[in-house]
C-alpha atoms as a PDB file:
ATOM      1  CA  UNK A   1      33.278 -32.650 -19.363  1.00  0.00           C
ATOM      2  CA  UNK A   2      32.376 -33.691 -15.823  1.00  0.00           C
ATOM      3  CA  UNK A   3      32.150 -30.009 -14.775  1.00  0.00           C
ATOM      4  CA  UNK A   4      29.897 -29.252 -17.728  1.00  0.00           C
ATOM      5  CA  UNK A   5      27.543 -32.103 -16.819  1.00  0.00           C
ATOM      6  CA  UNK A   6      27.443 -30.903 -13.203  1.00  0.00           C
ATOM      7  CA  UNK A   7      26.609 -27.384 -14.343  1.00  0.00           C
ATOM      8  CA  UNK A   8      23.862 -28.660 -16.636  1.00  0.00           C
ATOM      9  CA  UNK A   9      22.371 -30.614 -13.731  1.00  0.00           C
ATOM     10  CA  UNK A  10      22.231 -27.476 -11.544  1.00  0.00           C
ATOM     11  CA  UNK A  11      20.736 -25.076 -14.132  1.00  0.00           C
ATOM     12  CA  UNK A  12      17.134 -26.376 -13.768  1.00  0.00           C
ATOM     13  CA  UNK A  13      17.350 -25.828 -10.001  1.00  0.00           C
ATOM     14  CA  UNK A  14      18.513 -22.240 -10.444  1.00  0.00           C
ATOM     15  CA  UNK A  15      15.941 -21.357 -13.063  1.00  0.00           C
ATOM     16  CA  UNK A  16      13.043 -22.867 -11.120  1.00  0.00           C
ATOM     17  CA  UNK A  17      13.964 -20.827  -8.032  1.00  0.00           C
ATOM     18  CA  UNK A  18      14.007 -17.625 -10.075  1.00  0.00           C
ATOM     19  CA  UNK A  19      10.703 -18.318 -11.823  1.00  0.00           C
ATOM     20  CA  UNK A  20       8.712 -18.555  -8.582  1.00  0.00           C
ATOM     21  CA  UNK A  21       6.059 -15.843  -8.704  1.00  0.00           C
ATOM     22  CA  UNK A  22       5.205 -13.152  -6.180  1.00  0.00           C
ATOM     23  CA  UNK A  23       4.074 -14.219  -2.736  1.00  0.00           C
ATOM     24  CA  UNK A  24       1.311 -12.566  -0.734  1.00  0.00           C
ATOM     25  CA  UNK A  25       2.286 -11.745   2.844  1.00  0.00           C
ATOM     26  CA  UNK A  26      -0.068 -10.752   5.636  1.00  0.00           C
ATOM     27  CA  UNK A  27       1.238  -8.080   7.981  1.00  0.00           C
ATOM     28  CA  UNK A  28      -0.327  -6.417  11.000  1.00  0.00           C
ATOM     29  CA  UNK A  29      -0.313  -2.638  10.579  1.00  0.00           C
ATOM     30  CA  UNK A  30      -0.639   0.038  13.223  1.00  0.00           C
ATOM     31  CA  UNK A  31      -3.214   2.614  12.075  1.00  0.00           C
ATOM     32  CA  UNK A  32      -4.803   5.664  13.685  1.00  0.00           C
ATOM     33  CA  UNK A  33      -6.206   9.017  12.708  1.00  0.00           C
ATOM     34  CA  UNK A  34      -3.800  10.687  10.287  1.00  0.00           C
ATOM     35  CA  UNK A  35      -3.241  13.684  12.541  1.00  0.00           C
ATOM     36  CA  UNK A  36      -2.439  11.430  15.522  1.00  0.00           C
ATOM     37  CA  UNK A  37       0.147   9.434  13.557  1.00  0.00           C
ATOM     38  CA  UNK A  38       1.809  12.572  12.188  1.00  0.00           C
ATOM     39  CA  UNK A  39       1.864  14.182  15.650  1.00  0.00           C
ATOM     40  CA  UNK A  40       3.545  11.143  17.221  1.00  0.00           C
ATOM     41  CA  UNK A  41       6.141  10.774  14.449  1.00  0.00           C
ATOM     42  CA  UNK A  42       6.931  14.476  14.013  1.00  0.00           C
ATOM     43  CA  UNK A  43       6.345  16.015  17.445  1.00  0.00           C
ATOM     44  CA  UNK A  44       6.603  13.013  19.781  1.00  0.00           C
ATOM     45  CA  UNK A  45       9.703  11.140  20.800  1.00  0.00           C
ATOM     46  CA  UNK A  46      10.802  10.373  17.210  1.00  0.00           C
ATOM     47  CA  UNK A  47      11.066  13.988  15.939  1.00  0.00           C
ATOM     48  CA  UNK A  48      11.031  12.783  12.329  1.00  0.00           C
ATOM     49  CA  UNK A  49      10.631  15.125   9.384  1.00  0.00           C
ATOM     50  CA  UNK A  50       8.974  14.293   6.043  1.00  0.00           C
ATOM     51  CA  UNK A  51      11.672  13.892   3.367  1.00  0.00           C
ATOM     52  CA  UNK A  52       9.685  12.222   0.587  1.00  0.00           C
ATOM     53  CA  UNK A  53       6.072  11.847  -0.458  1.00  0.00           C
ATOM     54  CA  UNK A  54       4.126  10.167  -3.213  1.00  0.00           C
ATOM     55  CA  UNK A  55       0.600   9.095  -4.044  1.00  0.00           C
ATOM     56  CA  UNK A  56      -1.443   6.603  -6.007  1.00  0.00           C
ATOM     57  CA  UNK A  57      -5.140   6.545  -6.909  1.00  0.00           C
ATOM     58  CA  UNK A  58      -6.345   6.068  -3.322  1.00  0.00           C
ATOM     59  CA  UNK A  59      -3.571   6.922  -0.859  1.00  0.00           C
ATOM     60  CA  UNK A  60      -0.591   9.072  -0.112  1.00  0.00           C
ATOM     61  CA  UNK A  61       2.735   7.755   1.134  1.00  0.00           C
ATOM     62  CA  UNK A  62       5.413   9.460   3.161  1.00  0.00           C
ATOM     63  CA  UNK A  63       8.921   8.797   4.392  1.00  0.00           C
ATOM     64  CA  UNK A  64       9.813  10.553   7.636  1.00  0.00           C
ATOM     65  CA  UNK A  65      13.403  10.661   8.918  1.00  0.00           C
ATOM     66  CA  UNK A  66      15.224  11.958  11.977  1.00  0.00           C
ATOM     67  CA  UNK A  67      18.577  13.084  10.552  1.00  0.00           C
ATOM     68  CA  UNK A  68      20.233  13.108  13.980  1.00  0.00           C
ATOM     69  CA  UNK A  69      19.225   9.634  15.165  1.00  0.00           C
ATOM     70  CA  UNK A  70      18.776   7.972  11.757  1.00  0.00           C
ATOM     71  CA  UNK A  71      15.309   6.629  12.577  1.00  0.00           C
ATOM     72  CA  UNK A  72      12.790   6.422   9.743  1.00  0.00           C
ATOM     73  CA  UNK A  73       9.103   5.642   9.237  1.00  0.00           C
ATOM     74  CA  UNK A  74       7.111   4.928   6.081  1.00  0.00           C
ATOM     75  CA  UNK A  75       3.393   5.693   6.300  1.00  0.00           C
ATOM     76  CA  UNK A  76       0.403   5.260   4.009  1.00  0.00           C
ATOM     77  CA  UNK A  77      -2.375   7.733   4.646  1.00  0.00           C
ATOM     78  CA  UNK A  78      -5.442   9.559   3.430  1.00  0.00           C
ATOM     79  CA  UNK A  79      -7.404  12.429   4.943  1.00  0.00           C
ATOM     80  CA  UNK A  80      -8.737  10.302   7.798  1.00  0.00           C
ATOM     81  CA  UNK A  81      -6.440   7.327   8.486  1.00  0.00           C
ATOM     82  CA  UNK A  82      -2.701   6.679   8.466  1.00  0.00           C
ATOM     83  CA  UNK A  83      -0.933   3.314   8.769  1.00  0.00           C
ATOM     84  CA  UNK A  84       2.714   2.692   9.591  1.00  0.00           C
ATOM     85  CA  UNK A  85       4.116   0.403   6.882  1.00  0.00           C
ATOM     86  CA  UNK A  86       7.614   0.177   8.319  1.00  0.00           C
ATOM     87  CA  UNK A  87      10.093   1.712  10.750  1.00  0.00           C
ATOM     88  CA  UNK A  88      13.778   1.369  11.386  1.00  0.00           C
ATOM     89  CA  UNK A  89      17.150   2.884  12.141  1.00  0.00           C
ATOM     90  CA  UNK A  90      20.255   3.705  10.163  1.00  0.00           C
ATOM     91  CA  UNK A  91      18.635   5.598   7.307  1.00  0.00           C
ATOM     92  CA  UNK A  92      20.897   6.781   4.497  1.00  0.00           C
ATOM     93  CA  UNK A  93      20.423   8.300   1.098  1.00  0.00           C
ATOM     94  CA  UNK A  94      20.818   5.788  -1.693  1.00  0.00           C
ATOM     95  CA  UNK A  95      21.994   8.617  -3.944  1.00  0.00           C
ATOM     96  CA  UNK A  96      24.789   9.908  -1.740  1.00  0.00           C
ATOM     97  CA  UNK A  97      25.286   7.129   0.810  1.00  0.00           C
ATOM     98  CA  UNK A  98      24.964   9.748   3.547  1.00  0.00           C
ATOM     99  CA  UNK A  99      22.435   9.787   6.361  1.00  0.00           C
ATOM    100  CA  UNK A 100      19.344  11.666   5.220  1.00  0.00           C
END
């Protein structure tokens, strides 16, 4: 009975933490002309290759990966401007678990 009462006391804490809504986060992005960003990522020191792309109503998105080093970059771009949304190391396919 004591365990049950303890559990009942904790449930409101757990449910209130899960019901917190989305949070807006401000992030500084590096942006440049689309061609400049693609040249640096694909032909510069990173040597990354596009492996995925998608688009919404206003922008395109791309994931570039260097299969040898495992570096990756996610960009958002249009005809004129591209912004780096994120970069990192140790990329791997979520489907196969292998480096992409």
